[in-house]
Amino acid sequence: MKIAVESYLKAATLLPDRGQYIFAHQTANEIVVYQAFKPSIAEFAVAHQFFGGSEYGYGRMSWIKPNFLWMMYRCGWAGKENQERVLAIWIDKAVLEDILAEAVHSSFNPVHHGARAFWKGELETKDVRLQWDPDHDPYGSKLNRRAIQLGLKGRVLERFGKEQVRRIEDITEFVKEQKKFVDQRRLDLLKVPVERVWEIGNFEIKKRVGVSE
């Protein structure tokens, strides 16, 4: 597995315990987001290093998550139907900035949109949805901090799936190995990807999406 990992207990001390932050596994120029699919879609993606095939639909919205444990909560540690395979997707940080620049909050917030009519107009014209959801610990319990997820559709999803992906890696076996420690309640043995807060260089994007100061 290309992703570096560390002790969960160590990782838990290095991230903010509240607020809204984008934290992810990253290098100087790249960042990892996660998705979970049924085996046929995942196998095509890993084999071809882009998303496609007869069972993948570009006519729907597809959600990406930079936070590993939020993805584990969502897919039940690769245990939910049609989410049995977990993929780590490497993209350029510049790509994620462009996606964030296109993002519209799924629910109205006057802090970010001013007038409700303006927000509704953006919902109709933009191809990215943004949600801040409670982050979760390995057992699925809610934390005080919030994690981001981004829904892509239309031209943004097509560019992402066909052109912008740098690498697609199936990390399902790692997920299953770590779930054993969660089931045993041995968080002292649990490993998670090394994730740190991503410091977005563009202040306007950071403000627009609602990242905490």
N, C-alpha and C. Protein backbone atom coordinates (compact mmCIF):
# COMPACT_ATOMS: atom_id res chain seq x y z
N MET A 1 0.84 -1.19 0.00
CA MET A 1 0.00 0.00 0.00
C MET A 1 0.88 1.24 0.00
N LYS A 2 0.58 2.17 -0.90
CA LYS A 2 1.40 3.38 -1.04
C LYS A 2 1.20 4.37 0.11
N ILE A 3 0.05 4.29 0.76
CA ILE A 3 -0.29 5.26 1.80
C ILE A 3 0.46 4.92 3.09
N ALA A 4 1.13 5.91 3.65
CA ALA A 4 1.80 5.72 4.93
C ALA A 4 0.76 5.67 6.04
N VAL A 5 1.02 4.84 7.06
CA VAL A 5 0.08 4.70 8.17
C VAL A 5 0.77 4.99 9.49
N GLU A 6 -0.04 5.20 10.51
CA GLU A 6 0.48 5.44 11.85
C GLU A 6 -0.53 4.94 12.87
N SER A 7 -0.13 4.90 14.11
CA SER A 7 -1.01 4.48 15.18
C SER A 7 -2.22 5.41 15.29
N TYR A 8 -3.41 4.84 15.42
CA TYR A 8 -4.60 5.68 15.60
C TYR A 8 -4.48 6.54 16.85
N LEU A 9 -3.95 5.98 17.92
CA LEU A 9 -3.84 6.74 19.17
C LEU A 9 -2.94 7.95 19.00
N LYS A 10 -1.88 7.81 18.20
CA LYS A 10 -1.02 8.96 17.89
C LYS A 10 -1.77 9.96 17.03
N ALA A 11 -2.42 9.46 15.98
CA ALA A 11 -3.14 10.34 15.05
C ALA A 11 -4.20 11.16 15.76
N ALA A 12 -4.87 10.54 16.74
CA ALA A 12 -5.96 11.23 17.44
C ALA A 12 -5.47 12.45 18.22
N THR A 13 -4.19 12.48 18.55
CA THR A 13 -3.66 13.62 19.30
C THR A 13 -3.18 14.75 18.39
N LEU A 14 -3.13 14.50 17.09
CA LEU A 14 -2.52 15.46 16.17
C LEU A 14 -3.53 16.23 15.32
N LEU A 15 -4.81 15.91 15.47
CA LEU A 15 -5.85 16.60 14.71
C LEU A 15 -6.71 17.46 15.63
N PRO A 16 -7.28 18.56 15.12
CA PRO A 16 -8.15 19.39 15.96
C PRO A 16 -9.31 18.58 16.51
N ASP A 17 -9.73 18.89 17.74
CA ASP A 17 -10.82 18.12 18.34
C ASP A 17 -12.19 18.76 18.08
N ARG A 18 -12.19 19.92 17.42
CA ARG A 18 -13.45 20.56 17.03
C ARG A 18 -13.19 21.49 15.85
N GLY A 19 -14.25 22.04 15.27
CA GLY A 19 -14.10 22.91 14.11
C GLY A 19 -14.28 22.16 12.80
N GLN A 20 -14.11 22.88 11.70
CA GLN A 20 -14.28 22.34 10.35
C GLN A 20 -12.95 22.45 9.61
N TYR A 21 -12.35 21.30 9.35
CA TYR A 21 -11.05 21.27 8.67
C TYR A 21 -11.05 20.17 7.62
N ILE A 22 -10.24 20.39 6.58
CA ILE A 22 -10.01 19.34 5.60
C ILE A 22 -8.71 18.66 5.99
N PHE A 23 -8.81 17.44 6.48
CA PHE A 23 -7.58 16.71 6.79
C PHE A 23 -7.55 15.44 5.95
N ALA A 24 -6.35 15.12 5.47
CA ALA A 24 -6.21 14.06 4.48
C ALA A 24 -4.78 13.57 4.44
N HIS A 25 -4.59 12.40 3.83
CA HIS A 25 -3.24 11.94 3.52
C HIS A 25 -2.76 12.75 2.33
N GLN A 26 -1.53 13.25 2.39
CA GLN A 26 -1.07 14.16 1.35
C GLN A 26 0.45 14.17 1.23
N THR A 27 0.88 14.60 0.05
CA THR A 27 2.29 14.90 -0.19
C THR A 27 2.37 16.39 -0.47
N ALA A 28 3.51 16.85 -0.95
CA ALA A 28 3.64 18.27 -1.24
C ALA A 28 2.63 18.72 -2.30
N ASN A 29 2.35 17.86 -3.29
CA ASN A 29 1.51 18.27 -4.41
C ASN A 29 0.23 17.46 -4.57
N GLU A 30 0.15 16.31 -3.91
CA GLU A 30 -1.00 15.43 -4.10
C GLU A 30 -1.76 15.22 -2.79
N ILE A 31 -3.00 14.79 -2.94
CA ILE A 31 -3.86 14.54 -1.79
C ILE A 31 -4.73 13.33 -2.11
N VAL A 32 -5.12 12.59 -1.08
CA VAL A 32 -5.91 11.37 -1.25
C VAL A 32 -7.35 11.60 -0.83
N VAL A 33 -8.27 11.11 -1.66
CA VAL A 33 -9.68 11.06 -1.28
C VAL A 33 -10.13 9.61 -1.41
N TYR A 34 -11.23 9.28 -0.74
CA TYR A 34 -11.69 7.89 -0.69
C TYR A 34 -13.10 7.76 -1.27
N GLN A 35 -13.34 6.59 -1.87
CA GLN A 35 -14.67 6.18 -2.29
C GLN A 35 -14.80 4.68 -2.08
N ALA A 36 -16.03 4.20 -1.91
CA ALA A 36 -16.28 2.78 -1.77
C ALA A 36 -17.31 2.35 -2.80
N PHE A 37 -17.05 1.21 -3.45
CA PHE A 37 -17.90 0.73 -4.53
C PHE A 37 -18.12 -0.78 -4.41
N LYS A 38 -19.03 -1.27 -5.22
CA LYS A 38 -19.16 -2.72 -5.35
C LYS A 38 -17.95 -3.24 -6.14
N PRO A 39 -17.65 -4.55 -6.02
CA PRO A 39 -16.42 -5.07 -6.60
C PRO A 39 -16.22 -4.81 -8.09
N SER A 40 -17.27 -4.94 -8.89
CA SER A 40 -17.10 -4.79 -10.33
C SER A 40 -16.63 -3.39 -10.72
N ILE A 41 -17.16 -2.36 -10.07
CA ILE A 41 -16.75 -0.99 -10.37
C ILE A 41 -15.33 -0.76 -9.89
N ALA A 42 -15.01 -1.24 -8.69
CA ALA A 42 -13.67 -1.06 -8.14
C ALA A 42 -12.62 -1.77 -8.99
N GLU A 43 -12.91 -2.98 -9.43
CA GLU A 43 -11.95 -3.74 -10.22
C GLU A 43 -11.64 -3.04 -11.54
N PHE A 44 -12.66 -2.50 -12.19
CA PHE A 44 -12.43 -1.75 -13.43
C PHE A 44 -11.55 -0.54 -13.16
N ALA A 45 -11.86 0.19 -12.10
CA ALA A 45 -11.12 1.41 -11.79
C ALA A 45 -9.64 1.12 -11.51
N VAL A 46 -9.37 0.08 -10.74
CA VAL A 46 -7.99 -0.25 -10.42
C VAL A 46 -7.25 -0.74 -11.66
N ALA A 47 -7.91 -1.56 -12.47
CA ALA A 47 -7.27 -2.10 -13.66
C ALA A 47 -6.96 -1.04 -14.70
N HIS A 48 -7.86 -0.07 -14.87
CA HIS A 48 -7.71 0.93 -15.93
C HIS A 48 -7.21 2.28 -15.42
N GLN A 49 -7.23 2.48 -14.10
CA GLN A 49 -6.80 3.73 -13.48
C GLN A 49 -7.64 4.93 -13.92
N PHE A 50 -8.89 4.67 -14.18
CA PHE A 50 -9.91 5.71 -14.33
C PHE A 50 -11.25 5.05 -14.06
N PHE A 51 -12.30 5.85 -13.92
CA PHE A 51 -13.61 5.31 -13.60
C PHE A 51 -14.44 5.17 -14.87
N GLY A 52 -15.02 4.00 -15.02
CA GLY A 52 -15.82 3.73 -16.20
C GLY A 52 -16.33 2.31 -16.17
N GLY A 53 -16.58 1.76 -17.36
CA GLY A 53 -17.14 0.43 -17.46
C GLY A 53 -18.65 0.46 -17.51
N SER A 54 -19.24 -0.68 -17.73
CA SER A 54 -20.68 -0.76 -17.96
C SER A 54 -21.52 -0.44 -16.73
N GLU A 55 -20.93 -0.56 -15.53
CA GLU A 55 -21.73 -0.38 -14.32
C GLU A 55 -21.51 0.96 -13.63
N TYR A 56 -20.55 1.74 -14.10
CA TYR A 56 -20.31 3.05 -13.49
C TYR A 56 -21.10 4.10 -14.26
N GLY A 57 -21.89 4.90 -13.54
CA GLY A 57 -22.73 5.88 -14.21
C GLY A 57 -22.26 7.31 -13.98
N TYR A 58 -21.97 8.01 -15.06
CA TYR A 58 -21.59 9.42 -14.95
C TYR A 58 -22.81 10.34 -14.89
N GLY A 59 -24.01 9.78 -14.95
CA GLY A 59 -25.20 10.60 -14.88
C GLY A 59 -25.71 10.83 -13.47
N ARG A 60 -24.96 10.38 -12.47
CA ARG A 60 -25.38 10.53 -11.08
C ARG A 60 -24.36 11.36 -10.32
N MET A 61 -24.62 11.62 -9.05
CA MET A 61 -23.65 12.31 -8.21
C MET A 61 -22.81 11.28 -7.47
N SER A 62 -21.50 11.53 -7.39
CA SER A 62 -20.58 10.62 -6.73
C SER A 62 -19.83 11.41 -5.66
N TRP A 63 -19.77 10.87 -4.43
CA TRP A 63 -19.20 11.59 -3.29
C TRP A 63 -17.78 11.13 -2.99
N ILE A 64 -16.90 12.10 -2.76
CA ILE A 64 -15.53 11.81 -2.37
C ILE A 64 -15.30 12.34 -0.95
N LYS A 65 -14.43 11.63 -0.22
CA LYS A 65 -14.19 11.97 1.19
C LYS A 65 -12.69 11.94 1.45
N PRO A 66 -12.09 13.03 1.90
CA PRO A 66 -10.66 13.02 2.21
C PRO A 66 -10.31 12.32 3.53
N ASN A 67 -11.31 12.10 4.39
CA ASN A 67 -11.09 11.60 5.74
C ASN A 67 -11.33 10.09 5.81
N PHE A 68 -10.29 9.34 6.14
CA PHE A 68 -10.37 7.87 6.16
C PHE A 68 -11.44 7.36 7.12
N LEU A 69 -11.48 7.84 8.35
CA LEU A 69 -12.43 7.30 9.31
C LEU A 69 -13.87 7.69 8.99
N TRP A 70 -14.07 8.83 8.33
CA TRP A 70 -15.43 9.16 7.88
C TRP A 70 -15.86 8.16 6.81
N MET A 71 -14.91 7.80 5.93
CA MET A 71 -15.22 6.80 4.91
C MET A 71 -15.53 5.46 5.55
N MET A 72 -14.79 5.11 6.61
CA MET A 72 -15.05 3.84 7.29
C MET A 72 -16.44 3.84 7.93
N TYR A 73 -16.83 4.95 8.50
CA TYR A 73 -18.18 5.07 9.06
C TYR A 73 -19.22 4.89 7.97
N ARG A 74 -18.99 5.53 6.83
CA ARG A 74 -19.98 5.52 5.75
C ARG A 74 -20.12 4.14 5.12
N CYS A 75 -19.01 3.42 4.96
CA CYS A 75 -19.07 2.12 4.28
C CYS A 75 -19.09 0.94 5.26
N GLY A 76 -19.11 1.23 6.57
CA GLY A 76 -19.11 0.16 7.55
C GLY A 76 -17.86 -0.69 7.49
N TRP A 77 -16.72 -0.04 7.32
CA TRP A 77 -15.44 -0.76 7.20
C TRP A 77 -15.54 -1.81 6.08
N ALA A 78 -16.04 -1.37 4.93
CA ALA A 78 -16.19 -2.22 3.74
C ALA A 78 -17.20 -3.34 3.95
N GLY A 79 -18.15 -3.12 4.84
CA GLY A 79 -19.13 -4.15 5.14
C GLY A 79 -20.52 -3.90 4.58
N LYS A 80 -20.78 -2.70 4.04
CA LYS A 80 -22.11 -2.39 3.52
C LYS A 80 -22.25 -2.84 2.07
N GLU A 81 -23.47 -3.16 1.70
CA GLU A 81 -23.75 -3.62 0.33
C GLU A 81 -23.38 -2.53 -0.68
N ASN A 82 -22.72 -2.96 -1.74
CA ASN A 82 -22.25 -2.08 -2.82
C ASN A 82 -21.16 -1.11 -2.38
N GLN A 83 -20.60 -1.33 -1.19
CA GLN A 83 -19.47 -0.54 -0.71
C GLN A 83 -18.38 -1.47 -0.15
N GLU A 84 -18.27 -2.64 -0.76
CA GLU A 84 -17.37 -3.66 -0.23
C GLU A 84 -15.91 -3.44 -0.58
N ARG A 85 -15.64 -2.52 -1.51
CA ARG A 85 -14.26 -2.26 -1.91
C ARG A 85 -13.96 -0.78 -1.70
N VAL A 86 -12.92 -0.51 -0.96
CA VAL A 86 -12.55 0.87 -0.63
C VAL A 86 -11.35 1.27 -1.49
N LEU A 87 -11.49 2.39 -2.17
CA LEU A 87 -10.43 2.89 -3.05
C LEU A 87 -9.84 4.18 -2.50
N ALA A 88 -8.52 4.24 -2.55
CA ALA A 88 -7.79 5.49 -2.26
C ALA A 88 -7.44 6.11 -3.60
N ILE A 89 -7.84 7.35 -3.79
CA ILE A 89 -7.70 8.02 -5.07
C ILE A 89 -6.78 9.23 -4.91
N TRP A 90 -5.67 9.20 -5.61
CA TRP A 90 -4.69 10.28 -5.54
C TRP A 90 -4.98 11.31 -6.63
N ILE A 91 -5.08 12.58 -6.22
CA ILE A 91 -5.26 13.67 -7.17
C ILE A 91 -4.33 14.81 -6.78
N ASP A 92 -4.12 15.74 -7.71
CA ASP A 92 -3.33 16.93 -7.39
C ASP A 92 -4.13 17.82 -6.43
N LYS A 93 -3.42 18.49 -5.54
CA LYS A 93 -4.08 19.44 -4.66
C LYS A 93 -4.76 20.56 -5.45
N ALA A 94 -4.16 20.93 -6.57
CA ALA A 94 -4.76 21.96 -7.41
C ALA A 94 -6.12 21.52 -7.94
N VAL A 95 -6.28 20.23 -8.22
CA VAL A 95 -7.56 19.70 -8.67
C VAL A 95 -8.60 19.84 -7.57
N LEU A 96 -8.23 19.49 -6.34
CA LEU A 96 -9.18 19.60 -5.24
C LEU A 96 -9.54 21.06 -4.97
N GLU A 97 -8.58 21.96 -5.15
CA GLU A 97 -8.90 23.39 -5.01
C GLU A 97 -9.93 23.81 -6.05
N ASP A 98 -9.76 23.35 -7.28
CA ASP A 98 -10.73 23.69 -8.34
C ASP A 98 -12.11 23.13 -8.02
N ILE A 99 -12.15 21.93 -7.47
CA ILE A 99 -13.44 21.34 -7.09
C ILE A 99 -14.09 22.16 -5.98
N LEU A 100 -13.29 22.57 -4.99
CA LEU A 100 -13.83 23.38 -3.90
C LEU A 100 -14.33 24.73 -4.39
N ALA A 101 -13.65 25.28 -5.39
CA ALA A 101 -14.07 26.58 -5.94
C ALA A 101 -15.44 26.49 -6.59
N GLU A 102 -15.82 25.29 -7.03
CA GLU A 102 -17.10 25.06 -7.68
C GLU A 102 -18.18 24.63 -6.70
N ALA A 103 -17.81 24.40 -5.44
CA ALA A 103 -18.71 23.76 -4.48
C ALA A 103 -19.79 24.70 -3.96
N VAL A 104 -20.97 24.15 -3.76
CA VAL A 104 -22.10 24.85 -3.15
C VAL A 104 -22.57 24.01 -1.97
N HIS A 105 -22.78 24.66 -0.83
CA HIS A 105 -23.26 23.94 0.35
C HIS A 105 -24.62 23.31 0.07
N SER A 106 -24.80 22.07 0.53
CA SER A 106 -26.05 21.35 0.27
C SER A 106 -27.24 22.00 0.94
N SER A 107 -27.02 22.68 2.05
CA SER A 107 -28.11 23.38 2.73
C SER A 107 -27.77 24.87 2.84
N PHE A 108 -28.79 25.70 2.88
CA PHE A 108 -28.59 27.15 2.88
C PHE A 108 -27.95 27.62 4.17
N ASN A 109 -26.93 28.46 4.01
CA ASN A 109 -26.26 29.09 5.15
C ASN A 109 -26.00 30.55 4.78
N PRO A 110 -26.66 31.51 5.46
CA PRO A 110 -26.50 32.92 5.10
C PRO A 110 -25.07 33.42 5.23
N VAL A 111 -24.26 32.76 6.05
CA VAL A 111 -22.86 33.17 6.19
C VAL A 111 -22.12 33.02 4.88
N HIS A 112 -22.46 31.97 4.13
CA HIS A 112 -21.75 31.67 2.89
C HIS A 112 -22.46 32.18 1.64
N HIS A 113 -23.79 32.37 1.71
CA HIS A 113 -24.53 32.65 0.49
C HIS A 113 -25.27 33.98 0.49
N GLY A 114 -25.43 34.62 1.64
CA GLY A 114 -26.19 35.86 1.66
C GLY A 114 -27.66 35.59 1.44
N ALA A 115 -28.12 35.77 0.22
CA ALA A 115 -29.52 35.60 -0.10
C ALA A 115 -29.83 34.15 -0.49
N ARG A 116 -31.00 33.67 -0.06
CA ARG A 116 -31.40 32.31 -0.39
C ARG A 116 -31.55 32.13 -1.91
N ALA A 117 -32.00 33.14 -2.60
CA ALA A 117 -32.17 33.04 -4.05
C ALA A 117 -30.83 32.83 -4.75
N PHE A 118 -29.78 33.49 -4.25
CA PHE A 118 -28.45 33.30 -4.82
C PHE A 118 -27.99 31.86 -4.64
N TRP A 119 -28.22 31.32 -3.43
CA TRP A 119 -27.84 29.93 -3.16
C TRP A 119 -28.59 28.97 -4.08
N LYS A 120 -29.88 29.17 -4.25
CA LYS A 120 -30.66 28.30 -5.12
C LYS A 120 -30.16 28.36 -6.56
N GLY A 121 -29.77 29.56 -6.99
CA GLY A 121 -29.23 29.70 -8.33
C GLY A 121 -27.94 28.93 -8.50
N GLU A 122 -27.08 28.97 -7.49
CA GLU A 122 -25.83 28.22 -7.56
C GLU A 122 -26.09 26.71 -7.55
N LEU A 123 -27.08 26.28 -6.77
CA LEU A 123 -27.42 24.85 -6.76
C LEU A 123 -27.79 24.37 -8.16
N GLU A 124 -28.44 25.22 -8.92
CA GLU A 124 -28.90 24.83 -10.26
C GLU A 124 -27.78 24.84 -11.29
N THR A 125 -26.73 25.61 -11.04
CA THR A 125 -25.70 25.79 -12.07
C THR A 125 -24.36 25.13 -11.75
N LYS A 126 -24.11 24.85 -10.48
CA LYS A 126 -22.81 24.28 -10.09
C LYS A 126 -22.89 22.75 -10.02
N ASP A 127 -21.76 22.11 -10.25
CA ASP A 127 -21.71 20.65 -10.32
C ASP A 127 -21.05 20.00 -9.10
N VAL A 128 -20.89 20.76 -8.02
CA VAL A 128 -20.28 20.20 -6.81
C VAL A 128 -21.13 20.57 -5.60
N ARG A 129 -21.44 19.57 -4.77
CA ARG A 129 -22.13 19.79 -3.50
C ARG A 129 -21.14 19.58 -2.36
N LEU A 130 -21.29 20.39 -1.33
CA LEU A 130 -20.39 20.35 -0.18
C LEU A 130 -21.19 20.12 1.08
N GLN A 131 -20.72 19.19 1.92
CA GLN A 131 -21.35 18.97 3.22
C GLN A 131 -20.28 18.84 4.30
N TRP A 132 -20.53 19.49 5.42
CA TRP A 132 -19.74 19.28 6.63
C TRP A 132 -20.55 18.37 7.55
N ASP A 133 -20.02 17.20 7.81
CA ASP A 133 -20.72 16.22 8.64
C ASP A 133 -19.88 15.93 9.88
N PRO A 134 -20.52 15.50 10.96
CA PRO A 134 -19.73 15.12 12.14
C PRO A 134 -18.71 14.04 11.77
N ASP A 135 -17.49 14.23 12.20
CA ASP A 135 -16.50 13.18 12.05
C ASP A 135 -16.84 12.07 13.04
N HIS A 136 -16.25 10.90 12.84
CA HIS A 136 -16.56 9.75 13.69
C HIS A 136 -15.29 9.06 14.15
N ASP A 137 -15.36 8.48 15.33
CA ASP A 137 -14.23 7.69 15.81
C ASP A 137 -14.31 6.29 15.19
N PRO A 138 -13.35 5.41 15.44
CA PRO A 138 -13.37 4.09 14.80
C PRO A 138 -14.62 3.26 15.09
N TYR A 139 -15.28 3.52 16.23
CA TYR A 139 -16.49 2.77 16.57
C TYR A 139 -17.75 3.37 15.94
N GLY A 140 -17.61 4.50 15.27
CA GLY A 140 -18.76 5.14 14.64
C GLY A 140 -19.42 6.22 15.47
N SER A 141 -18.86 6.53 16.63
CA SER A 141 -19.44 7.58 17.47
C SER A 141 -19.07 8.96 16.93
N LYS A 142 -19.99 9.91 17.04
CA LYS A 142 -19.75 11.25 16.53
C LYS A 142 -18.72 11.99 17.37
N LEU A 143 -17.90 12.79 16.68
CA LEU A 143 -16.94 13.67 17.32
C LEU A 143 -17.41 15.11 17.21
N ASN A 144 -16.77 16.01 17.94
CA ASN A 144 -17.15 17.43 17.89
C ASN A 144 -16.71 18.09 16.59
N ARG A 145 -15.58 17.65 16.02
CA ARG A 145 -15.13 18.27 14.77
C ARG A 145 -15.95 17.75 13.59
N ARG A 146 -15.89 18.49 12.49
CA ARG A 146 -16.64 18.12 11.30
C ARG A 146 -15.68 17.82 10.15
N ALA A 147 -16.10 16.87 9.33
CA ALA A 147 -15.31 16.45 8.17
C ALA A 147 -16.09 16.78 6.90
N ILE A 148 -15.36 17.02 5.84
CA ILE A 148 -15.98 17.44 4.58
C ILE A 148 -16.20 16.23 3.67
N GLN A 149 -17.29 16.29 2.91
CA GLN A 149 -17.47 15.39 1.78
C GLN A 149 -17.99 16.22 0.61
N LEU A 150 -17.63 15.79 -0.59
CA LEU A 150 -17.94 16.56 -1.78
C LEU A 150 -18.64 15.67 -2.81
N GLY A 151 -19.80 16.12 -3.26
CA GLY A 151 -20.54 15.39 -4.28
C GLY A 151 -20.27 15.98 -5.65
N LEU A 152 -19.81 15.15 -6.58
CA LEU A 152 -19.46 15.59 -7.93
C LEU A 152 -20.48 15.05 -8.93
N LYS A 153 -20.81 15.88 -9.90
CA LYS A 153 -21.69 15.43 -10.97
C LYS A 153 -21.30 16.14 -12.26
N GLY A 154 -21.95 15.78 -13.35
CA GLY A 154 -21.79 16.47 -14.62
C GLY A 154 -20.36 16.54 -15.11
N ARG A 155 -19.99 17.70 -15.62
CA ARG A 155 -18.66 17.88 -16.22
C ARG A 155 -17.55 17.73 -15.18
N VAL A 156 -17.80 18.14 -13.93
CA VAL A 156 -16.78 18.01 -12.89
C VAL A 156 -16.49 16.54 -12.62
N LEU A 157 -17.53 15.72 -12.51
CA LEU A 157 -17.34 14.30 -12.27
C LEU A 157 -16.63 13.63 -13.45
N GLU A 158 -16.97 14.00 -14.66
CA GLU A 158 -16.32 13.40 -15.83
C GLU A 158 -14.84 13.75 -15.88
N ARG A 159 -14.49 14.99 -15.60
CA ARG A 159 -13.08 15.36 -15.58
C ARG A 159 -12.34 14.61 -14.49
N PHE A 160 -12.96 14.56 -13.31
CA PHE A 160 -12.36 13.86 -12.19
C PHE A 160 -12.12 12.39 -12.52
N GLY A 161 -13.16 11.72 -12.97
CA GLY A 161 -13.08 10.28 -13.16
C GLY A 161 -12.25 9.82 -14.34
N LYS A 162 -12.18 10.67 -15.38
CA LYS A 162 -11.52 10.25 -16.61
C LYS A 162 -10.16 10.90 -16.84
N GLU A 163 -9.91 12.08 -16.23
CA GLU A 163 -8.71 12.83 -16.58
C GLU A 163 -7.82 13.18 -15.39
N GLN A 164 -8.40 13.41 -14.22
CA GLN A 164 -7.65 14.05 -13.14
C GLN A 164 -7.07 13.09 -12.10
N VAL A 165 -7.48 11.86 -12.14
CA VAL A 165 -6.97 10.88 -11.18
C VAL A 165 -5.51 10.54 -11.49
N ARG A 166 -4.67 10.61 -10.49
CA ARG A 166 -3.26 10.25 -10.62
C ARG A 166 -3.03 8.76 -10.37
N ARG A 167 -3.75 8.22 -9.38
CA ARG A 167 -3.57 6.82 -9.01
C ARG A 167 -4.81 6.35 -8.27
N ILE A 168 -5.22 5.12 -8.53
CA ILE A 168 -6.32 4.49 -7.81
C ILE A 168 -5.79 3.21 -7.18
N GLU A 169 -5.92 3.12 -5.87
CA GLU A 169 -5.39 1.98 -5.13
C GLU A 169 -6.50 1.34 -4.30
N ASP A 170 -6.63 0.04 -4.40
CA ASP A 170 -7.60 -0.70 -3.61
C ASP A 170 -6.99 -0.98 -2.23
N ILE A 171 -7.58 -0.42 -1.19
CA ILE A 171 -7.04 -0.59 0.16
C ILE A 171 -7.97 -1.46 1.03
N THR A 172 -8.80 -2.25 0.37
CA THR A 172 -9.79 -3.04 1.11
C THR A 172 -9.16 -4.01 2.09
N GLU A 173 -8.08 -4.66 1.71
CA GLU A 173 -7.45 -5.62 2.61
C GLU A 173 -6.93 -4.93 3.87
N PHE A 174 -6.36 -3.75 3.69
CA PHE A 174 -5.92 -2.97 4.85
C PHE A 174 -7.11 -2.64 5.75
N VAL A 175 -8.21 -2.23 5.14
CA VAL A 175 -9.42 -1.89 5.89
C VAL A 175 -9.89 -3.09 6.71
N LYS A 176 -9.94 -4.25 6.10
CA LYS A 176 -10.41 -5.45 6.79
C LYS A 176 -9.48 -5.85 7.94
N GLU A 177 -8.18 -5.70 7.71
CA GLU A 177 -7.22 -6.01 8.77
C GLU A 177 -7.43 -5.11 9.98
N GLN A 178 -7.67 -3.82 9.72
CA GLN A 178 -7.83 -2.87 10.82
C GLN A 178 -9.18 -3.04 11.52
N LYS A 179 -10.18 -3.49 10.77
CA LYS A 179 -11.49 -3.70 11.39
C LYS A 179 -11.42 -4.77 12.49
N LYS A 180 -10.53 -5.73 12.34
CA LYS A 180 -10.38 -6.75 13.37
C LYS A 180 -10.01 -6.12 14.71
N PHE A 181 -9.14 -5.12 14.67
CA PHE A 181 -8.75 -4.45 15.92
C PHE A 181 -9.89 -3.62 16.48
N VAL A 182 -10.68 -3.02 15.59
CA VAL A 182 -11.85 -2.26 16.05
C VAL A 182 -12.84 -3.21 16.72
N ASP A 183 -13.09 -4.34 16.08
CA ASP A 183 -14.03 -5.32 16.65
C ASP A 183 -13.55 -5.85 18.00
N GLN A 184 -12.22 -5.97 18.16
CA GLN A 184 -11.64 -6.44 19.41
C GLN A 184 -11.50 -5.33 20.44
N ARG A 185 -11.85 -4.10 20.01
CA ARG A 185 -11.70 -2.91 20.86
C ARG A 185 -10.25 -2.73 21.30
N ARG A 186 -9.36 -2.97 20.35
CA ARG A 186 -7.92 -2.81 20.59
C ARG A 186 -7.42 -1.63 19.76
N LEU A 187 -7.84 -0.42 20.13
CA LEU A 187 -7.42 0.76 19.40
C LEU A 187 -5.92 1.01 19.54
N ASP A 188 -5.29 0.38 20.51
CA ASP A 188 -3.84 0.50 20.65
C ASP A 188 -3.11 -0.20 19.51
N LEU A 189 -3.81 -1.09 18.80
CA LEU A 189 -3.21 -1.80 17.67
C LEU A 189 -3.67 -1.24 16.32
N LEU A 190 -4.67 -0.38 16.33
CA LEU A 190 -5.25 0.14 15.10
C LEU A 190 -4.31 1.09 14.38
N LYS A 191 -4.18 0.89 13.07
CA LYS A 191 -3.40 1.79 12.21
C LYS A 191 -4.36 2.54 11.28
N VAL A 192 -4.05 3.77 11.02
CA VAL A 192 -4.83 4.59 10.08
C VAL A 192 -3.86 5.34 9.17
N PRO A 193 -4.32 5.76 7.98
CA PRO A 193 -3.45 6.58 7.13
C PRO A 193 -2.99 7.85 7.85
N VAL A 194 -1.79 8.27 7.56
CA VAL A 194 -1.28 9.53 8.12
C VAL A 194 -2.08 10.67 7.48
N GLU A 195 -2.83 11.38 8.29
CA GLU A 195 -3.64 12.50 7.81
C GLU A 195 -3.33 13.74 8.63
N ARG A 196 -3.17 14.85 7.93
CA ARG A 196 -2.93 16.14 8.57
C ARG A 196 -3.86 17.18 7.95
N VAL A 197 -4.05 18.28 8.64
CA VAL A 197 -4.87 19.36 8.12
C VAL A 197 -4.24 19.91 6.85
N TRP A 198 -5.05 20.04 5.81
CA TRP A 198 -4.59 20.62 4.55
C TRP A 198 -4.78 22.13 4.62
N GLU A 199 -3.68 22.83 4.51
CA GLU A 199 -3.71 24.29 4.53
C GLU A 199 -3.95 24.80 3.12
N ILE A 200 -5.18 25.16 2.83
CA ILE A 200 -5.52 25.65 1.49
C ILE A 200 -4.87 27.00 1.26
N GLY A 201 -4.18 27.13 0.15
CA GLY A 201 -3.46 28.37 -0.14
C GLY A 201 -4.37 29.53 -0.51
N ASN A 202 -5.52 29.23 -1.09
CA ASN A 202 -6.44 30.27 -1.57
C ASN A 202 -7.40 30.66 -0.45
N PHE A 203 -7.22 31.87 0.08
CA PHE A 203 -8.04 32.32 1.22
C PHE A 203 -9.52 32.40 0.85
N GLU A 204 -9.83 32.84 -0.36
CA GLU A 204 -11.23 32.98 -0.76
C GLU A 204 -11.93 31.63 -0.81
N ILE A 205 -11.24 30.61 -1.30
CA ILE A 205 -11.83 29.27 -1.33
C ILE A 205 -12.04 28.76 0.09
N LYS A 206 -11.03 28.97 0.92
CA LYS A 206 -11.12 28.53 2.32
C LYS A 206 -12.32 29.17 3.00
N LYS A 207 -12.53 30.46 2.78
CA LYS A 207 -13.65 31.16 3.39
C LYS A 207 -14.98 30.68 2.80
N ARG A 208 -14.99 30.46 1.49
CA ARG A 208 -16.21 30.06 0.80
C ARG A 208 -16.74 28.72 1.30
N VAL A 209 -15.83 27.78 1.53
CA VAL A 209 -16.30 26.45 1.92
C VAL A 209 -16.51 26.33 3.43
N GLY A 210 -16.02 27.28 4.21
CA GLY A 210 -16.30 27.28 5.63
C GLY A 210 -15.26 26.59 6.50
N VAL A 211 -14.02 26.55 6.03
CA VAL A 211 -12.94 25.97 6.85
C VAL A 211 -12.70 26.86 8.06
N SER A 212 -12.55 26.26 9.23
CA SER A 212 -12.32 27.02 10.45
C SER A 212 -10.96 27.71 10.42
N GLU A 213 -10.89 28.86 11.07
CA GLU A 213 -9.62 29.60 11.17
C GLU A 213 -8.71 28.93 12.19
